[in-house]
Structure formats: C-alpha cells, structure tokens
Amino acid sequence: RKLLASRKLGLFSESFPTTTKQAYVAGPGDVLEVSLWEAPPAMLFGGAVVDPRVGAATARVVTFPEQMVSGEGTINMPFAGQIPVAGRTPQQIEAEIAQRLKGKANQPQVLVRMIRNNTANVTVVGEVAASARVPLTARGERLLDALAAAGGVREPVNKVTLQLTRGNQVHSLPLETIIRDPRQNIVLRPGDVVTALFQPLSFTVLGATGKNEEVNFEAQGISLAQALARAGGLQDSRADARGVFIFRFEEANAVDWPNPPVTTPEGKVPVIYEVNLKDPATFLVAQNFPMQNKDVVFVANAPGTQFQKFLTLIVSSIYPVLSIVNATNN
C-alpha cells in the first residue's frame, strides 16, 4: 500500500501551491519608458521637447527615450542619476524618481511604463506547434494559456503529458487531467518551463491470457483491471486466477524498505506484485491499481494445465497411428 501510495499521481495543485498573483517587477533586459509631468512654471524641463501625444495643457509632460535595464538592474534619469529598478514594481520606481527630483522639478509626477517584458516569461517546448517564450502579465497566465500561445500540441491530447519545471521541482501530469480538472491549470511564474511530452506508454502481457503482446495505453493511465481486459482476459482453460503477477522497477526511495533493497545500476528496485483473482475483493483492488510504463503482466497456468498438455501431446501422437491401423484393416 505504501508503495502504491508513493506512485500516486502528483497533482500540480498540490505540488505547486497557488499563491497570490505577483505584481510585475522590472529586471535586467526589460525596456522601460519614463514620462515626467511638471507643474507650471516648469523649472527643470521647461525647455524640453514636449510629448507630441499631449496637447496644450497647464502641466508639461516630457517622455524620455526608452531604456533597457542594465545588467546591474539600473536605468539613468537626467538630474536623478542612476535609479535601481531591478526587483521593483513600476509604482516603486515612480516614487523613487519623484523623490529624487523633489526640489529640482516643480511638483514632479512620474509614470513608468514597460515597453518590452524580457524577464517575466515562461518557456514552452516539446511537442507543440512552435516552441515559444511566453510573456507573463498581471492577468496571471495559466498552463493552458501558455500552451495555446505556443500553438497547442501536435499529438492527440490523450497521449500527451505536460511536465512543469519550477526551480528544482519537476512534476508531470497528463494533459487530459489538466483539461478535465481546472484546479490543475495553475498560474505560472517567471522562469517556469512547460514541456509537452509525447510518450507512448505500454505494458507487456504474457502467459495464460487472450493474447500475449505489448499493449499501448493513454497518458491518463489505466488500472490493472483495464489492462487485463485489453489483453483479452484470463483464459478459462489455462489460467490460474491465483497467479497474476506484475513485474515493475520502482524508485529506491519510494518507501522505507525494512532491509536495503537490491537496486539496478539506475537505482531502481525490482518489485513483483502478486494478485489473487480468486478472491472477489481483489477485483476492487485491481480497479485502483495503476499500471506503469514498461510493466510486465504474467498470468500463470493452472496446476493441471501441464498434465493436460501432456495428454494432448500423447493423444495427438497416437491418433495418426490409430488412423493408419484402421485404414490397413479396412
């Protein structure tokens, strides 16, 4: 149970708790425009070129050339000097500039506007129409917004998994789950990386089932009960319902093992699950047992099956001889 719980689908709403929308803050590489209003009589910028977008008015407005925030996180303002802007909101930058111009300009009023957002972005890559860097706004863009901005996915929705990387955290969730459950369509943060993965998932079924083959399944996942059904079920004449086995490689840190487990070079632990379908209650477990990619399902033969095979072999060997004898006698 602990092992299965560790493999439970990690939801984005739990892995990345929702926080309040973060206000835009400037960063190196962003392009800002600063406009300054000065009440008459304009003392500092009285001779400056007036913004042509503003008609004759009592207050004088000057719009300075666009500036890119430097690597040190600063911009330069005439008579105000070097202004630190990195990590600050436009309102905080306005207040800083206005404070520095007090006593130099007549009742200065400042407006800071972002022209190009080069820092508050998310990156969308993978199986999308066009990989893109999607700028974030005060609206609070979500996962599906970013996916749509990249042109959507190129593969069927039920075969795509979305992987979200945020800092040192990496989690994945089927795209179908995000569409079906709005809580998983979480708000993105600057620096997030969204990767659309097309991963054909499959399991292999062997033994006394309707067919022995590799079976594909959707990114949404299927249960053991569904897997057995897709394999044609258990053969009545051959299968031992008490001997259904699932072979899987689990993560070494999935649970606290009572003894140090044997691991593969990749750090995986080989685990065998045994299922007894003779017990009706087991069918309820099978409905909630999630299949994993590359699982192997084996259904054992019933104890009397080998003897039955032996008899079949004997009969098939003797029957031609009897046929020849009968033909000779006739």
Protein backbone atom coordinates (compact mmCIF):
# COMPACT_ATOMS: atom_id res chain seq x y z
CA ARG A 1 0.00 0.00 0.00
CA LYS A 2 2.81 2.39 0.86
CA LEU A 3 4.49 1.62 -2.44
CA LEU A 4 1.33 2.26 -4.39
CA ALA A 5 0.72 5.47 -2.47
CA SER A 6 4.18 6.67 -3.44
CA ARG A 7 3.27 6.16 -7.11
CA LYS A 8 0.04 8.12 -6.79
CA LEU A 9 -0.33 10.75 -9.46
CA GLY A 10 1.14 14.02 -8.18
CA LEU A 11 -1.28 16.85 -8.88
CA PHE A 12 0.03 20.27 -9.88
CA SER A 13 -2.35 21.91 -7.41
CA GLU A 14 -0.60 20.02 -4.61
CA SER A 15 2.97 20.11 -5.92
CA PHE A 16 2.81 23.82 -6.80
CA PRO A 17 0.52 25.51 -4.25
CA THR A 18 -1.33 28.52 -5.62
CA THR A 19 -0.14 31.87 -4.32
CA THR A 20 -1.46 35.38 -4.77
CA LYS A 21 -0.71 36.91 -8.14
CA GLN A 22 2.68 38.56 -8.11
CA ALA A 23 2.96 42.16 -9.27
CA TYR A 24 5.26 42.80 -12.20
CA VAL A 25 8.78 43.77 -11.17
CA ALA A 26 11.46 45.03 -13.52
CA GLY A 27 14.55 43.00 -14.27
CA PRO A 28 17.72 43.20 -16.36
CA GLY A 29 16.86 43.28 -20.05
CA ASP A 30 13.40 44.83 -19.66
CA VAL A 31 12.75 48.02 -21.64
CA LEU A 32 11.09 50.88 -19.73
CA GLU A 33 9.66 54.24 -20.74
CA VAL A 34 9.61 57.10 -18.23
CA SER A 35 7.30 60.11 -18.57
CA LEU A 36 7.52 63.14 -16.30
CA TRP A 37 4.89 65.80 -15.60
CA GLU A 38 5.99 69.11 -14.15
CA ALA A 39 3.55 71.71 -12.89
CA PRO A 40 3.95 75.28 -14.23
CA PRO A 41 6.10 77.15 -14.09
CA ALA A 42 8.33 74.27 -15.25
CA MET A 43 11.71 74.86 -13.69
CA LEU A 44 13.72 71.81 -14.70
CA PHE A 45 12.30 70.60 -18.00
CA GLY A 46 10.74 73.84 -19.25
CA GLY A 47 12.87 73.83 -22.39
CA ALA A 48 12.49 70.12 -23.14
CA VAL A 49 10.65 68.80 -26.15
CA VAL A 50 7.05 68.17 -25.17
CA ASP A 51 5.47 64.79 -25.89
CA PRO A 52 3.51 65.35 -29.15
CA ARG A 53 0.79 62.98 -27.95
CA VAL A 54 -0.22 65.52 -25.31
CA GLY A 55 -1.97 68.69 -26.34
CA ALA A 56 -1.60 72.12 -24.78
CA ALA A 57 -2.18 71.84 -21.05
CA THR A 58 -1.20 73.57 -17.88
CA ALA A 59 1.20 70.78 -16.88
CA ARG A 60 4.20 69.99 -19.02
CA VAL A 61 4.98 66.34 -19.85
CA VAL A 62 8.29 65.02 -21.07
CA THR A 63 8.76 61.44 -22.28
CA PHE A 64 12.33 60.21 -22.14
CA PRO A 65 13.86 57.73 -24.60
CA GLU A 66 13.20 54.06 -23.88
CA GLN A 67 15.84 52.44 -21.71
CA MET A 68 16.87 48.83 -21.24
CA VAL A 69 17.50 47.86 -17.65
CA SER A 70 21.21 47.19 -17.29
CA GLY A 71 22.79 44.00 -16.01
CA GLU A 72 23.17 45.74 -12.67
CA GLY A 73 19.43 46.40 -12.63
CA THR A 74 19.53 50.18 -13.13
CA ILE A 75 18.40 52.93 -15.51
CA ASN A 76 19.60 56.53 -15.78
CA MET A 77 17.43 59.62 -15.35
CA PRO A 78 18.51 63.21 -16.03
CA PHE A 79 19.03 65.11 -12.74
CA ALA A 80 18.09 61.96 -10.79
CA GLY A 81 21.12 59.84 -11.57
CA GLN A 82 21.25 56.07 -11.62
CA ILE A 83 17.97 54.54 -10.45
CA PRO A 84 17.92 50.94 -9.12
CA VAL A 85 14.87 49.27 -10.67
CA ALA A 86 15.51 45.50 -10.58
CA GLY A 87 13.01 43.75 -8.32
CA ARG A 88 10.83 46.86 -8.08
CA THR A 89 7.32 47.49 -9.36
CA PRO A 90 6.62 50.44 -11.69
CA GLN A 91 4.93 52.26 -8.79
CA GLN A 92 8.04 51.88 -6.63
CA ILE A 93 10.25 53.15 -9.46
CA GLU A 94 7.96 56.16 -9.97
CA ALA A 95 8.14 57.04 -6.29
CA GLU A 96 11.95 56.77 -6.31
CA ILE A 97 12.33 59.09 -9.30
CA ALA A 98 9.83 61.62 -7.95
CA GLN A 99 11.63 61.66 -4.59
CA ARG A 100 14.98 62.35 -6.26
CA LEU A 101 13.57 65.21 -8.32
CA LYS A 102 11.98 67.00 -5.38
CA GLY A 103 13.48 70.47 -5.06
CA LYS A 104 14.71 70.27 -8.66
CA ALA A 105 11.44 69.95 -10.60
CA ASN A 106 8.19 71.71 -9.77
CA GLN A 107 5.78 69.14 -8.24
CA PRO A 108 7.07 66.28 -10.39
CA GLN A 109 4.72 63.41 -11.27
CA VAL A 110 6.24 60.28 -12.84
CA LEU A 111 4.80 57.43 -14.93
CA VAL A 112 6.86 54.33 -15.70
CA ARG A 113 5.64 52.03 -18.46
CA MET A 114 7.05 48.66 -19.53
CA ILE A 115 7.64 48.58 -23.28
CA ARG A 116 9.17 45.11 -23.55
CA ASN A 117 8.99 42.37 -20.96
CA ASN A 118 12.14 40.30 -21.32
CA THR A 119 12.35 38.75 -17.84
CA ALA A 120 8.85 37.70 -16.72
CA ASN A 121 8.48 34.84 -19.21
CA VAL A 122 7.80 31.14 -19.32
CA THR A 123 9.30 28.78 -21.86
CA VAL A 124 7.13 26.28 -23.73
CA VAL A 125 8.93 23.46 -25.57
CA GLY A 126 8.37 19.88 -26.70
CA GLU A 127 5.55 18.53 -28.83
CA VAL A 128 3.97 21.92 -29.55
CA ALA A 129 3.32 23.68 -32.84
CA ALA A 130 6.05 26.26 -32.15
CA SER A 131 8.29 26.46 -29.10
CA ALA A 132 8.00 29.91 -27.56
CA ARG A 133 8.87 32.24 -24.71
CA VAL A 134 5.53 33.48 -23.44
CA PRO A 135 5.50 36.81 -21.53
CA LEU A 136 3.53 36.93 -18.29
CA THR A 137 1.22 39.80 -17.43
CA ALA A 138 -0.69 40.96 -14.37
CA ARG A 139 -3.59 38.81 -15.60
CA GLY A 140 -1.81 35.70 -14.32
CA GLU A 141 -1.36 33.35 -17.29
CA ARG A 142 -2.02 29.67 -16.65
CA LEU A 143 -0.66 26.43 -18.08
CA LEU A 144 -3.22 26.14 -20.87
CA ASP A 145 -2.74 29.83 -21.77
CA ALA A 146 0.96 29.21 -22.35
CA LEU A 147 0.23 26.03 -24.31
CA ALA A 148 -2.23 27.89 -26.54
CA ALA A 149 0.30 30.69 -27.12
CA ALA A 150 2.72 28.05 -28.43
CA GLY A 151 0.13 26.84 -30.92
CA GLY A 152 -1.14 23.84 -28.97
CA VAL A 153 0.13 20.26 -29.03
CA ARG A 154 0.91 18.30 -32.19
CA GLU A 155 -0.16 14.90 -30.85
CA PRO A 156 -3.54 13.61 -29.61
CA VAL A 157 -4.42 15.12 -26.24
CA ASN A 158 -4.82 11.73 -24.57
CA LYS A 159 -1.22 10.81 -25.43
CA VAL A 160 0.47 13.99 -24.17
CA THR A 161 1.95 14.61 -20.74
CA LEU A 162 2.79 18.12 -19.52
CA GLN A 163 5.96 18.49 -17.48
CA LEU A 164 6.37 21.64 -15.39
CA THR A 165 9.81 22.66 -14.17
CA ARG A 166 9.94 25.33 -11.47
CA GLY A 167 13.28 25.86 -9.79
CA ASN A 168 14.43 22.43 -8.62
CA GLN A 169 10.94 20.91 -8.83
CA VAL A 170 9.91 18.80 -11.81
CA HIS A 171 6.43 17.25 -11.99
CA SER A 172 4.35 15.75 -14.78
CA LEU A 173 0.64 15.34 -15.36
CA PRO A 174 -1.43 14.06 -18.31
CA LEU A 175 -2.80 16.90 -20.40
CA GLU A 176 -6.28 15.33 -20.21
CA THR A 177 -6.20 15.67 -16.42
CA ILE A 178 -5.35 19.38 -16.64
CA ILE A 179 -8.18 19.99 -19.10
CA ARG A 180 -10.69 17.99 -17.08
CA ASP A 181 -9.73 19.43 -13.68
CA PRO A 182 -9.41 23.27 -13.72
CA ARG A 183 -7.53 23.18 -10.40
CA GLN A 184 -4.53 21.69 -12.20
CA ASN A 185 -4.43 24.59 -14.67
CA ILE A 186 -2.25 26.54 -12.26
CA VAL A 187 -0.91 30.10 -12.52
CA LEU A 188 2.59 30.21 -13.98
CA ARG A 189 5.58 32.07 -12.55
CA PRO A 190 8.54 33.74 -14.28
CA GLY A 191 11.16 31.17 -15.21
CA ASP A 192 8.78 28.20 -15.43
CA VAL A 193 9.46 25.69 -18.20
CA VAL A 194 6.49 23.82 -19.70
CA THR A 195 7.39 20.74 -21.73
CA ALA A 196 4.81 18.84 -23.77
CA LEU A 197 5.89 15.19 -23.89
CA PHE A 198 4.59 12.58 -26.31
CA GLN A 199 5.33 9.30 -24.58
CA PRO A 200 3.59 6.22 -25.95
CA LEU A 201 3.05 4.20 -22.78
CA SER A 202 2.82 0.42 -22.91
CA PHE A 203 2.85 -2.76 -20.86
CA THR A 204 3.66 -6.33 -21.89
CA VAL A 205 1.31 -9.20 -21.10
CA LEU A 206 2.45 -12.83 -21.08
CA GLY A 207 1.07 -16.19 -20.02
CA ALA A 208 -2.46 -17.54 -19.95
CA THR A 209 -4.30 -14.55 -21.38
CA GLY A 210 -6.29 -13.96 -24.53
CA LYS A 211 -3.21 -12.55 -26.29
CA ASN A 212 0.45 -12.14 -25.49
CA GLU A 213 1.70 -8.80 -26.75
CA GLU A 214 2.77 -5.28 -25.94
CA VAL A 215 -0.30 -3.11 -25.28
CA ASN A 216 -0.29 0.67 -25.56
CA PHE A 217 -2.28 2.87 -23.19
CA GLU A 218 -3.04 6.56 -22.75
CA ALA A 219 -1.10 9.12 -20.73
CA GLN A 220 -4.14 9.35 -18.46
CA GLY A 221 -3.27 5.85 -17.28
CA ILE A 222 -5.22 2.63 -16.83
CA SER A 223 -5.82 0.19 -14.00
CA LEU A 224 -4.79 -3.45 -13.74
CA ALA A 225 -8.40 -4.48 -14.39
CA GLN A 226 -8.43 -2.48 -17.63
CA ALA A 227 -5.04 -3.89 -18.61
CA LEU A 228 -6.24 -7.49 -18.24
CA ALA A 229 -9.36 -6.67 -20.24
CA ARG A 230 -7.27 -5.21 -23.09
CA ALA A 231 -5.18 -8.37 -23.08
CA GLY A 232 -8.29 -10.48 -23.69
CA GLY A 233 -8.79 -11.54 -20.09
CA LEU A 234 -7.70 -14.78 -18.44
CA GLN A 235 -8.14 -17.98 -20.43
CA ASP A 236 -10.64 -20.21 -18.61
CA SER A 237 -8.96 -23.46 -19.66
CA ARG A 238 -5.38 -22.44 -18.81
CA ALA A 239 -5.14 -19.56 -16.35
CA ASP A 240 -4.60 -19.81 -12.63
CA ALA A 241 -6.55 -16.85 -11.24
CA ARG A 242 -4.43 -17.02 -8.08
CA GLY A 243 -1.24 -16.43 -10.06
CA VAL A 244 -1.35 -12.96 -11.63
CA PHE A 245 1.99 -11.16 -11.31
CA ILE A 246 3.10 -7.63 -12.15
CA PHE A 247 6.83 -7.05 -12.61
CA ARG A 248 7.97 -3.46 -12.16
CA PHE A 249 11.03 -1.35 -11.33
CA GLU A 250 10.25 1.07 -8.50
CA GLU A 251 12.22 4.07 -7.26
CA ALA A 252 14.67 3.22 -4.49
CA ASN A 253 13.29 6.00 -2.28
CA ALA A 254 9.64 5.07 -2.85
CA VAL A 255 9.25 3.69 0.68
CA ASP A 256 11.32 2.96 3.77
CA TRP A 257 12.43 -0.57 2.98
CA PRO A 258 12.82 -2.87 6.05
CA ASN A 259 16.14 -4.07 4.59
CA PRO A 260 18.36 -2.34 2.00
CA PRO A 261 16.92 -3.48 -1.36
CA VAL A 262 18.82 -4.75 -4.36
CA THR A 263 19.00 -1.99 -6.95
CA THR A 264 19.82 -1.77 -10.63
CA PRO A 265 22.65 0.47 -11.92
CA GLU A 266 19.95 3.11 -12.49
CA GLY A 267 18.95 3.00 -8.82
CA LYS A 268 15.67 1.11 -9.39
CA VAL A 269 14.31 -1.68 -7.19
CA PRO A 270 12.79 -4.74 -8.92
CA VAL A 271 9.38 -5.42 -7.36
CA ILE A 272 6.89 -8.24 -8.04
CA TYR A 273 3.23 -7.78 -7.15
CA GLU A 274 1.15 -10.95 -6.73
CA VAL A 275 -2.61 -10.78 -7.25
CA ASN A 276 -5.14 -13.48 -6.35
CA LEU A 277 -8.21 -13.00 -8.52
CA LYS A 278 -9.91 -15.96 -6.85
CA ASP A 279 -10.77 -13.51 -4.09
CA PRO A 280 -13.65 -11.27 -5.29
CA ALA A 281 -12.39 -8.39 -3.14
CA THR A 282 -9.21 -8.33 -5.23
CA PHE A 283 -11.19 -7.02 -8.20
CA LEU A 284 -11.82 -3.83 -6.24
CA VAL A 285 -8.06 -3.50 -5.72
CA ALA A 286 -7.40 -4.21 -9.40
CA GLN A 287 -9.65 -1.30 -10.35
CA ASN A 288 -7.42 1.10 -8.41
CA PHE A 289 -4.03 -0.48 -9.15
CA PRO A 290 -2.36 1.92 -11.65
CA MET A 291 -0.31 0.46 -14.46
CA GLN A 292 3.09 2.00 -15.19
CA ASN A 293 5.05 2.28 -18.40
CA LYS A 294 7.04 -0.89 -19.24
CA ASP A 295 5.21 -3.07 -16.69
CA VAL A 296 5.13 -6.81 -17.39
CA VAL A 297 1.96 -8.74 -16.51
CA PHE A 298 2.24 -12.52 -16.30
CA VAL A 299 -0.66 -14.90 -15.73
CA ALA A 300 0.42 -18.35 -14.55
CA ASN A 301 -1.01 -21.59 -15.87
CA ALA A 302 -3.35 -23.62 -13.68
CA PRO A 303 -1.70 -26.58 -11.85
CA GLY A 304 -3.42 -29.17 -14.07
CA THR A 305 -2.56 -27.42 -17.30
CA GLN A 306 0.80 -29.11 -17.76
CA PHE A 307 -0.79 -32.56 -17.36
CA GLN A 308 -3.47 -31.57 -19.83
CA LYS A 309 -0.78 -30.51 -22.30
CA PHE A 310 0.92 -33.88 -21.80
CA LEU A 311 -2.31 -35.73 -22.54
CA THR A 312 -2.91 -33.61 -25.60
CA LEU A 313 0.58 -34.40 -26.84
CA ILE A 314 0.05 -38.16 -26.28
CA VAL A 315 -3.33 -38.15 -28.00
CA SER A 316 -2.01 -36.17 -30.96
CA SER A 317 0.86 -38.69 -31.30
CA ILE A 318 -1.30 -41.81 -31.03
CA TYR A 319 -4.19 -40.66 -33.20
CA PRO A 320 -2.26 -40.78 -36.51
CA VAL A 321 -1.09 -44.34 -35.68
CA LEU A 322 -4.66 -45.47 -34.94
CA SER A 323 -5.81 -43.90 -38.19
CA ILE A 324 -3.18 -45.86 -40.15
CA VAL A 325 -4.13 -49.15 -38.41
CA ASN A 326 -7.81 -48.62 -39.13
CA ALA A 327 -7.08 -47.83 -42.73
CA THR A 328 -4.98 -51.02 -43.07
CA ASN A 329 -7.70 -53.20 -41.51
CA ASN A 330 -10.29 -51.76 -43.84
